[in-house]
Amino acid sequence: MTRLEGAAVASPCTSVCTIDAVTGLCAGCYRTLDEIAGWIDLPEQRKRTLLATLATRRAQFGAAIAARHAPGDGRDGER
């Protein structure tokens, strides 16, 4: 095992924590609720695999999610 393979993988959480109603993804980290809840128990290699998936999700859904959750649009809890 290389040093990288055994290294702890940091959570991708960005402290935005708003689930997009259309995609079911967090507007900050692009994980599902199940992925967020299960993160702590995932083996490090599965975390790395999920991180790669998040980059793909961000590219695919990022602009649409960001537009729906822009500050001041009434959908992010700000009034």
PDB file of N, CA and C in Angstrom:
ATOM      1  N   MET A   1       0.841  -1.170   0.000  1.00  0.00           N
ATOM      2  CA  MET A   1       0.000   0.000   0.000  1.00  0.00           C
ATOM      3  C   MET A   1       0.894   1.243   0.000  1.00  0.00           C
ATOM      4  N   THR A   2       0.551   2.202  -0.861  1.00  0.00           N
ATOM      5  CA  THR A   2       1.324   3.441  -0.884  1.00  0.00           C
ATOM      6  C   THR A   2       0.840   4.364   0.228  1.00  0.00           C
ATOM      7  N   ARG A   3       1.621   5.355   0.508  1.00  0.00           N
ATOM      8  CA  ARG A   3       1.265   6.315   1.554  1.00  0.00           C
ATOM      9  C   ARG A   3      -0.076   6.990   1.235  1.00  0.00           C
ATOM     10  N   LEU A   4      -0.313   7.340  -0.014  1.00  0.00           N
ATOM     11  CA  LEU A   4      -1.555   7.983  -0.418  1.00  0.00           C
ATOM     12  C   LEU A   4      -2.748   7.064  -0.189  1.00  0.00           C
ATOM     13  N   GLU A   5      -2.604   5.795  -0.510  1.00  0.00           N
ATOM     14  CA  GLU A   5      -3.708   4.856  -0.356  1.00  0.00           C
ATOM     15  C   GLU A   5      -4.153   4.734   1.087  1.00  0.00           C
ATOM     16  N   GLY A   6      -3.234   4.888   2.040  1.00  0.00           N
ATOM     17  CA  GLY A   6      -3.576   4.756   3.438  1.00  0.00           C
ATOM     18  C   GLY A   6      -3.947   6.062   4.107  1.00  0.00           C
ATOM     19  N   ALA A   7      -3.780   7.179   3.399  1.00  0.00           N
ATOM     20  CA  ALA A   7      -4.046   8.493   3.981  1.00  0.00           C
ATOM     21  C   ALA A   7      -5.546   8.713   4.175  1.00  0.00           C
ATOM     22  N   ALA A   8      -5.878   9.406   5.255  1.00  0.00           N
ATOM     23  CA  ALA A   8      -7.273   9.742   5.508  1.00  0.00           C
ATOM     24  C   ALA A   8      -7.770  10.711   4.435  1.00  0.00           C
ATOM     25  N   VAL A   9      -9.001  10.521   4.035  1.00  0.00           N
ATOM     26  CA  VAL A   9      -9.616  11.377   3.022  1.00  0.00           C
ATOM     27  C   VAL A   9     -10.528  12.368   3.725  1.00  0.00           C
ATOM     28  N   ALA A  10     -10.289  13.644   3.515  1.00  0.00           N
ATOM     29  CA  ALA A  10     -11.096  14.688   4.139  1.00  0.00           C
ATOM     30  C   ALA A  10     -12.490  14.734   3.526  1.00  0.00           C
ATOM     31  N   SER A  11     -13.438  15.103   4.333  1.00  0.00           N
ATOM     32  CA  SER A  11     -14.810  15.261   3.866  1.00  0.00           C
ATOM     33  C   SER A  11     -14.874  16.386   2.835  1.00  0.00           C
ATOM     34  N   PRO A  12     -15.712  16.212   1.803  1.00  0.00           N
ATOM     35  CA  PRO A  12     -15.873  17.270   0.805  1.00  0.00           C
ATOM     36  C   PRO A  12     -16.868  18.350   1.241  1.00  0.00           C
ATOM     37  N   CYS A  13     -17.353  18.265   2.463  1.00  0.00           N
ATOM     38  CA  CYS A  13     -18.344  19.224   2.954  1.00  0.00           C
ATOM     39  C   CYS A  13     -17.814  20.649   2.849  1.00  0.00           C
ATOM     40  N   THR A  14     -18.683  21.541   2.357  1.00  0.00           N
ATOM     41  CA  THR A  14     -18.333  22.955   2.240  1.00  0.00           C
ATOM     42  C   THR A  14     -19.172  23.820   3.178  1.00  0.00           C
ATOM     43  N   SER A  15     -19.900  23.180   4.064  1.00  0.00           N
ATOM     44  CA  SER A  15     -20.777  23.843   5.038  1.00  0.00           C
ATOM     45  C   SER A  15     -21.912  24.626   4.395  1.00  0.00           C
ATOM     46  N   VAL A  16     -22.304  24.251   3.194  1.00  0.00           N
ATOM     47  CA  VAL A  16     -23.475  24.853   2.557  1.00  0.00           C
ATOM     48  C   VAL A  16     -24.719  24.083   2.995  1.00  0.00           C
ATOM     49  N   CYS A  17     -24.687  22.774   2.919  1.00  0.00           N
ATOM     50  CA  CYS A  17     -25.700  21.882   3.494  1.00  0.00           C
ATOM     51  C   CYS A  17     -27.131  22.220   3.105  1.00  0.00           C
ATOM     52  N   THR A  18     -27.365  22.376   1.828  1.00  0.00           N
ATOM     53  CA  THR A  18     -28.701  22.606   1.289  1.00  0.00           C
ATOM     54  C   THR A  18     -28.948  21.564   0.211  1.00  0.00           C
ATOM     55  N   ILE A  19     -29.979  20.744   0.404  1.00  0.00           N
ATOM     56  CA  ILE A  19     -30.278  19.686  -0.566  1.00  0.00           C
ATOM     57  C   ILE A  19     -31.148  20.264  -1.677  1.00  0.00           C
ATOM     58  N   ASP A  20     -30.689  20.102  -2.896  1.00  0.00           N
ATOM     59  CA  ASP A  20     -31.419  20.562  -4.074  1.00  0.00           C
ATOM     60  C   ASP A  20     -32.604  19.633  -4.301  1.00  0.00           C
ATOM     61  N   ALA A  21     -33.799  20.188  -4.352  1.00  0.00           N
ATOM     62  CA  ALA A  21     -35.014  19.384  -4.495  1.00  0.00           C
ATOM     63  C   ALA A  21     -35.093  18.656  -5.831  1.00  0.00           C
ATOM     64  N   VAL A  22     -34.514  19.200  -6.859  1.00  0.00           N
ATOM     65  CA  VAL A  22     -34.590  18.594  -8.190  1.00  0.00           C
ATOM     66  C   VAL A  22     -33.656  17.390  -8.307  1.00  0.00           C
ATOM     67  N   THR A  23     -32.407  17.545  -7.875  1.00  0.00           N
ATOM     68  CA  THR A  23     -31.419  16.473  -8.050  1.00  0.00           C
ATOM     69  C   THR A  23     -31.243  15.598  -6.815  1.00  0.00           C
ATOM     70  N   GLY A  24     -31.602  16.106  -5.645  1.00  0.00           N
ATOM     71  CA  GLY A  24     -31.356  15.376  -4.401  1.00  0.00           C
ATOM     72  C   GLY A  24     -29.912  15.475  -3.942  1.00  0.00           C
ATOM     73  N   LEU A  25     -29.157  16.386  -4.548  1.00  0.00           N
ATOM     74  CA  LEU A  25     -27.744  16.564  -4.211  1.00  0.00           C
ATOM     75  C   LEU A  25     -27.556  17.799  -3.341  1.00  0.00           C
ATOM     76  N   CYS A  26     -26.565  17.739  -2.469  1.00  0.00           N
ATOM     77  CA  CYS A  26     -26.212  18.909  -1.676  1.00  0.00           C
ATOM     78  C   CYS A  26     -25.661  19.987  -2.604  1.00  0.00           C
ATOM     79  N   ALA A  27     -26.128  21.208  -2.423  1.00  0.00           N
ATOM     80  CA  ALA A  27     -25.676  22.319  -3.263  1.00  0.00           C
ATOM     81  C   ALA A  27     -24.230  22.698  -2.987  1.00  0.00           C
ATOM     82  N   GLY A  28     -23.658  22.211  -1.897  1.00  0.00           N
ATOM     83  CA  GLY A  28     -22.274  22.532  -1.566  1.00  0.00           C
ATOM     84  C   GLY A  28     -21.285  21.467  -1.996  1.00  0.00           C
ATOM     85  N   CYS A  29     -21.600  20.198  -1.698  1.00  0.00           N
ATOM     86  CA  CYS A  29     -20.622  19.136  -1.955  1.00  0.00           C
ATOM     87  C   CYS A  29     -21.068  18.126  -3.014  1.00  0.00           C
ATOM     88  N   TYR A  30     -22.308  18.208  -3.432  1.00  0.00           N
ATOM     89  CA  TYR A  30     -22.860  17.353  -4.491  1.00  0.00           C
ATOM     90  C   TYR A  30     -23.039  15.890  -4.068  1.00  0.00           C
ATOM     91  N   ARG A  31     -23.096  15.647  -2.754  1.00  0.00           N
ATOM     92  CA  ARG A  31     -23.399  14.301  -2.271  1.00  0.00           C
ATOM     93  C   ARG A  31     -24.894  14.179  -2.003  1.00  0.00           C
ATOM     94  N   THR A  32     -25.393  12.942  -2.012  1.00  0.00           N
ATOM     95  CA  THR A  32     -26.763  12.674  -1.610  1.00  0.00           C
ATOM     96  C   THR A  32     -26.814  12.618  -0.085  1.00  0.00           C
ATOM     97  N   LEU A  33     -28.014  12.647   0.467  1.00  0.00           N
ATOM     98  CA  LEU A  33     -28.150  12.524   1.922  1.00  0.00           C
ATOM     99  C   LEU A  33     -27.547  11.218   2.429  1.00  0.00           C
ATOM    100  N   ASP A  34     -27.768  10.114   1.711  1.00  0.00           N
ATOM    101  CA  ASP A  34     -27.192   8.829   2.116  1.00  0.00           C
ATOM    102  C   ASP A  34     -25.669   8.867   2.094  1.00  0.00           C
ATOM    103  N   GLU A  35     -25.096   9.507   1.092  1.00  0.00           N
ATOM    104  CA  GLU A  35     -23.631   9.618   1.016  1.00  0.00           C
ATOM    105  C   GLU A  35     -23.075  10.481   2.140  1.00  0.00           C
ATOM    106  N   ILE A  36     -23.798  11.546   2.470  1.00  0.00           N
ATOM    107  CA  ILE A  36     -23.369  12.405   3.574  1.00  0.00           C
ATOM    108  C   ILE A  36     -23.417  11.634   4.884  1.00  0.00           C
ATOM    109  N   ALA A  37     -24.532  10.968   5.124  1.00  0.00           N
ATOM    110  CA  ALA A  37     -24.713  10.222   6.376  1.00  0.00           C
ATOM    111  C   ALA A  37     -23.719   9.069   6.508  1.00  0.00           C
ATOM    112  N   GLY A  38     -23.377   8.434   5.401  1.00  0.00           N
ATOM    113  CA  GLY A  38     -22.503   7.274   5.444  1.00  0.00           C
ATOM    114  C   GLY A  38     -21.019   7.564   5.304  1.00  0.00           C
ATOM    115  N   TRP A  39     -20.656   8.828   5.080  1.00  0.00           N
ATOM    116  CA  TRP A  39     -19.262   9.184   4.818  1.00  0.00           C
ATOM    117  C   TRP A  39     -18.306   8.635   5.866  1.00  0.00           C
ATOM    118  N   ILE A  40     -18.621   8.817   7.114  1.00  0.00           N
ATOM    119  CA  ILE A  40     -17.700   8.457   8.192  1.00  0.00           C
ATOM    120  C   ILE A  40     -17.364   6.963   8.196  1.00  0.00           C
ATOM    121  N   ASP A  41     -18.290   6.141   7.730  1.00  0.00           N
ATOM    122  CA  ASP A  41     -18.089   4.696   7.746  1.00  0.00           C
ATOM    123  C   ASP A  41     -17.505   4.128   6.456  1.00  0.00           C
ATOM    124  N   LEU A  42     -17.349   4.961   5.429  1.00  0.00           N
ATOM    125  CA  LEU A  42     -16.804   4.476   4.161  1.00  0.00           C
ATOM    126  C   LEU A  42     -15.310   4.186   4.281  1.00  0.00           C
ATOM    127  N   PRO A  43     -14.859   3.104   3.673  1.00  0.00           N
ATOM    128  CA  PRO A  43     -13.411   2.873   3.597  1.00  0.00           C
ATOM    129  C   PRO A  43     -12.769   3.998   2.769  1.00  0.00           C
ATOM    130  N   GLU A  44     -11.508   4.292   3.043  1.00  0.00           N
ATOM    131  CA  GLU A  44     -10.814   5.402   2.382  1.00  0.00           C
ATOM    132  C   GLU A  44     -10.856   5.289   0.854  1.00  0.00           C
ATOM    133  N   GLN A  45     -10.704   4.096   0.311  1.00  0.00           N
ATOM    134  CA  GLN A  45     -10.737   3.948  -1.148  1.00  0.00           C
ATOM    135  C   GLN A  45     -12.106   4.291  -1.710  1.00  0.00           C
ATOM    136  N   ARG A  46     -13.174   3.929  -1.007  1.00  0.00           N
ATOM    137  CA  ARG A  46     -14.532   4.287  -1.457  1.00  0.00           C
ATOM    138  C   ARG A  46     -14.733   5.798  -1.382  1.00  0.00           C
ATOM    139  N   LYS A  47     -14.134   6.446  -0.383  1.00  0.00           N
ATOM    140  CA  LYS A  47     -14.214   7.900  -0.296  1.00  0.00           C
ATOM    141  C   LYS A  47     -13.548   8.539  -1.507  1.00  0.00           C
ATOM    142  N   ARG A  48     -12.383   8.013  -1.891  1.00  0.00           N
ATOM    143  CA  ARG A  48     -11.684   8.564  -3.069  1.00  0.00           C
ATOM    144  C   ARG A  48     -12.516   8.370  -4.337  1.00  0.00           C
ATOM    145  N   THR A  49     -13.147   7.233  -4.458  1.00  0.00           N
ATOM    146  CA  THR A  49     -14.004   6.963  -5.613  1.00  0.00           C
ATOM    147  C   THR A  49     -15.180   7.935  -5.631  1.00  0.00           C
ATOM    148  N   LEU A  50     -15.785   8.150  -4.469  1.00  0.00           N
ATOM    149  CA  LEU A  50     -16.903   9.083  -4.384  1.00  0.00           C
ATOM    150  C   LEU A  50     -16.456  10.497  -4.728  1.00  0.00           C
ATOM    151  N   LEU A  51     -15.289  10.908  -4.280  1.00  0.00           N
ATOM    152  CA  LEU A  51     -14.783  12.245  -4.612  1.00  0.00           C
ATOM    153  C   LEU A  51     -14.677  12.433  -6.122  1.00  0.00           C
ATOM    154  N   ALA A  52     -14.232  11.413  -6.818  1.00  0.00           N
ATOM    155  CA  ALA A  52     -14.145  11.494  -8.283  1.00  0.00           C
ATOM    156  C   ALA A  52     -15.547  11.642  -8.886  1.00  0.00           C
ATOM    157  N   THR A  53     -16.514  10.956  -8.327  1.00  0.00           N
ATOM    158  CA  THR A  53     -17.898  11.053  -8.785  1.00  0.00           C
ATOM    159  C   THR A  53     -18.444  12.461  -8.553  1.00  0.00           C
ATOM    160  N   LEU A  54     -18.063  13.074  -7.431  1.00  0.00           N
ATOM    161  CA  LEU A  54     -18.550  14.412  -7.119  1.00  0.00           C
ATOM    162  C   LEU A  54     -18.069  15.434  -8.138  1.00  0.00           C
ATOM    163  N   ALA A  55     -16.865  15.271  -8.615  1.00  0.00           N
ATOM    164  CA  ALA A  55     -16.347  16.183  -9.643  1.00  0.00           C
ATOM    165  C   ALA A  55     -17.198  16.093 -10.911  1.00  0.00           C
ATOM    166  N   THR A  56     -17.607  14.896 -11.264  1.00  0.00           N
ATOM    167  CA  THR A  56     -18.463  14.693 -12.432  1.00  0.00           C
ATOM    168  C   THR A  56     -19.833  15.321 -12.206  1.00  0.00           C
ATOM    169  N   ARG A  57     -20.391  15.112 -11.004  1.00  0.00           N
ATOM    170  CA  ARG A  57     -21.695  15.704 -10.685  1.00  0.00           C
ATOM    171  C   ARG A  57     -21.626  17.228 -10.724  1.00  0.00           C
ATOM    172  N   ARG A  58     -20.564  17.782 -10.180  1.00  0.00           N
ATOM    173  CA  ARG A  58     -20.407  19.242 -10.167  1.00  0.00           C
ATOM    174  C   ARG A  58     -20.402  19.773 -11.602  1.00  0.00           C
ATOM    175  N   ALA A  59     -19.682  19.083 -12.481  1.00  0.00           N
ATOM    176  CA  ALA A  59     -19.623  19.507 -13.880  1.00  0.00           C
ATOM    177  C   ALA A  59     -20.986  19.382 -14.551  1.00  0.00           C
ATOM    178  N   GLN A  60     -21.730  18.338 -14.205  1.00  0.00           N
ATOM    179  CA  GLN A  60     -23.014  18.078 -14.843  1.00  0.00           C
ATOM    180  C   GLN A  60     -24.136  18.963 -14.293  1.00  0.00           C
ATOM    181  N   PHE A  61     -24.192  19.141 -12.973  1.00  0.00           N
ATOM    182  CA  PHE A  61     -25.322  19.814 -12.340  1.00  0.00           C
ATOM    183  C   PHE A  61     -24.989  21.156 -11.692  1.00  0.00           C
ATOM    184  N   GLY A  62     -23.709  21.481 -11.585  1.00  0.00           N
ATOM    185  CA  GLY A  62     -23.285  22.631 -10.799  1.00  0.00           C
ATOM    186  C   GLY A  62     -23.950  23.941 -11.138  1.00  0.00           C
ATOM    187  N   ALA A  63     -23.995  24.294 -12.392  1.00  0.00           N
ATOM    188  CA  ALA A  63     -24.564  25.588 -12.777  1.00  0.00           C
ATOM    189  C   ALA A  63     -26.056  25.653 -12.448  1.00  0.00           C
ATOM    190  N   ALA A  64     -26.773  24.579 -12.713  1.00  0.00           N
ATOM    191  CA  ALA A  64     -28.215  24.567 -12.451  1.00  0.00           C
ATOM    192  C   ALA A  64     -28.500  24.623 -10.952  1.00  0.00           C
ATOM    193  N   ILE A  65     -27.742  23.866 -10.172  1.00  0.00           N
ATOM    194  CA  ILE A  65     -27.934  23.881  -8.720  1.00  0.00           C
ATOM    195  C   ILE A  65     -27.577  25.256  -8.166  1.00  0.00           C
ATOM    196  N   ALA A  66     -26.480  25.810  -8.595  1.00  0.00           N
ATOM    197  CA  ALA A  66     -26.065  27.130  -8.118  1.00  0.00           C
ATOM    198  C   ALA A  66     -27.125  28.184  -8.434  1.00  0.00           C
ATOM    199  N   ALA A  67     -27.720  28.107  -9.611  1.00  0.00           N
ATOM    200  CA  ALA A  67     -28.738  29.081  -9.996  1.00  0.00           C
ATOM    201  C   ALA A  67     -29.973  28.961  -9.105  1.00  0.00           C
ATOM    202  N   ARG A  68     -30.335  27.737  -8.752  1.00  0.00           N
ATOM    203  CA  ARG A  68     -31.508  27.529  -7.896  1.00  0.00           C
ATOM    204  C   ARG A  68     -31.255  27.941  -6.450  1.00  0.00           C
ATOM    205  N   HIS A  69     -30.008  27.973  -6.044  1.00  0.00           N
ATOM    206  CA  HIS A  69     -29.689  28.249  -4.637  1.00  0.00           C
ATOM    207  C   HIS A  69     -28.898  29.540  -4.460  1.00  0.00           C
ATOM    208  N   ALA A  70     -29.022  30.442  -5.417  1.00  0.00           N
ATOM    209  CA  ALA A  70     -28.330  31.728  -5.309  1.00  0.00           C
ATOM    210  C   ALA A  70     -28.894  32.524  -4.139  1.00  0.00           C
ATOM    211  N   PRO A  71     -28.051  33.192  -3.381  1.00  0.00           N
ATOM    212  CA  PRO A  71     -28.527  33.995  -2.252  1.00  0.00           C
ATOM    213  C   PRO A  71     -29.590  35.003  -2.679  1.00  0.00           C
ATOM    214  N   GLY A  72     -30.616  35.108  -1.865  1.00  0.00           N
ATOM    215  CA  GLY A  72     -31.655  36.097  -2.110  1.00  0.00           C
ATOM    216  C   GLY A  72     -32.775  35.653  -3.015  1.00  0.00           C
ATOM    217  N   ASP A  73     -32.744  34.384  -3.498  1.00  0.00           N
ATOM    218  CA  ASP A  73     -33.819  33.949  -4.380  1.00  0.00           C
ATOM    219  C   ASP A  73     -34.982  33.339  -3.600  1.00  0.00           C
ATOM    220  N   GLY A  74     -34.871  33.309  -2.252  1.00  0.00           N
ATOM    221  CA  GLY A  74     -35.971  32.803  -1.441  1.00  0.00           C
ATOM    222  C   GLY A  74     -35.981  31.307  -1.267  1.00  0.00           C
ATOM    223  N   ARG A  75     -35.063  30.596  -1.897  1.00  0.00           N
ATOM    224  CA  ARG A  75     -35.052  29.142  -1.806  1.00  0.00           C
ATOM    225  C   ARG A  75     -33.932  28.624  -0.915  1.00  0.00           C
ATOM    226  N   ASP A  76     -33.096  29.480  -0.401  1.00  0.00           N
ATOM    227  CA  ASP A  76     -31.989  29.024   0.419  1.00  0.00           C
ATOM    228  C   ASP A  76     -32.152  29.392   1.888  1.00  0.00           C
ATOM    229  N   GLY A  77     -33.350  29.783   2.267  1.00  0.00           N
ATOM    230  CA  GLY A  77     -33.609  30.125   3.652  1.00  0.00           C
ATOM    231  C   GLY A  77     -33.448  31.602   3.957  1.00  0.00           C
ATOM    232  N   GLU A  78     -32.867  32.375   3.050  1.00  0.00           N
ATOM    233  CA  GLU A  78     -32.720  33.813   3.266  1.00  0.00           C
ATOM    234  C   GLU A  78     -33.993  34.517   2.837  1.00  0.00           C
ATOM    235  N   ARG A  79     -34.361  35.514   3.567  1.00  0.00           N
ATOM    236  CA  ARG A  79     -35.560  36.275   3.220  1.00  0.00           C
ATOM    237  C   ARG A  79     -35.218  37.732   3.137  1.00  0.00           C
TER     238      ARG A  79
END
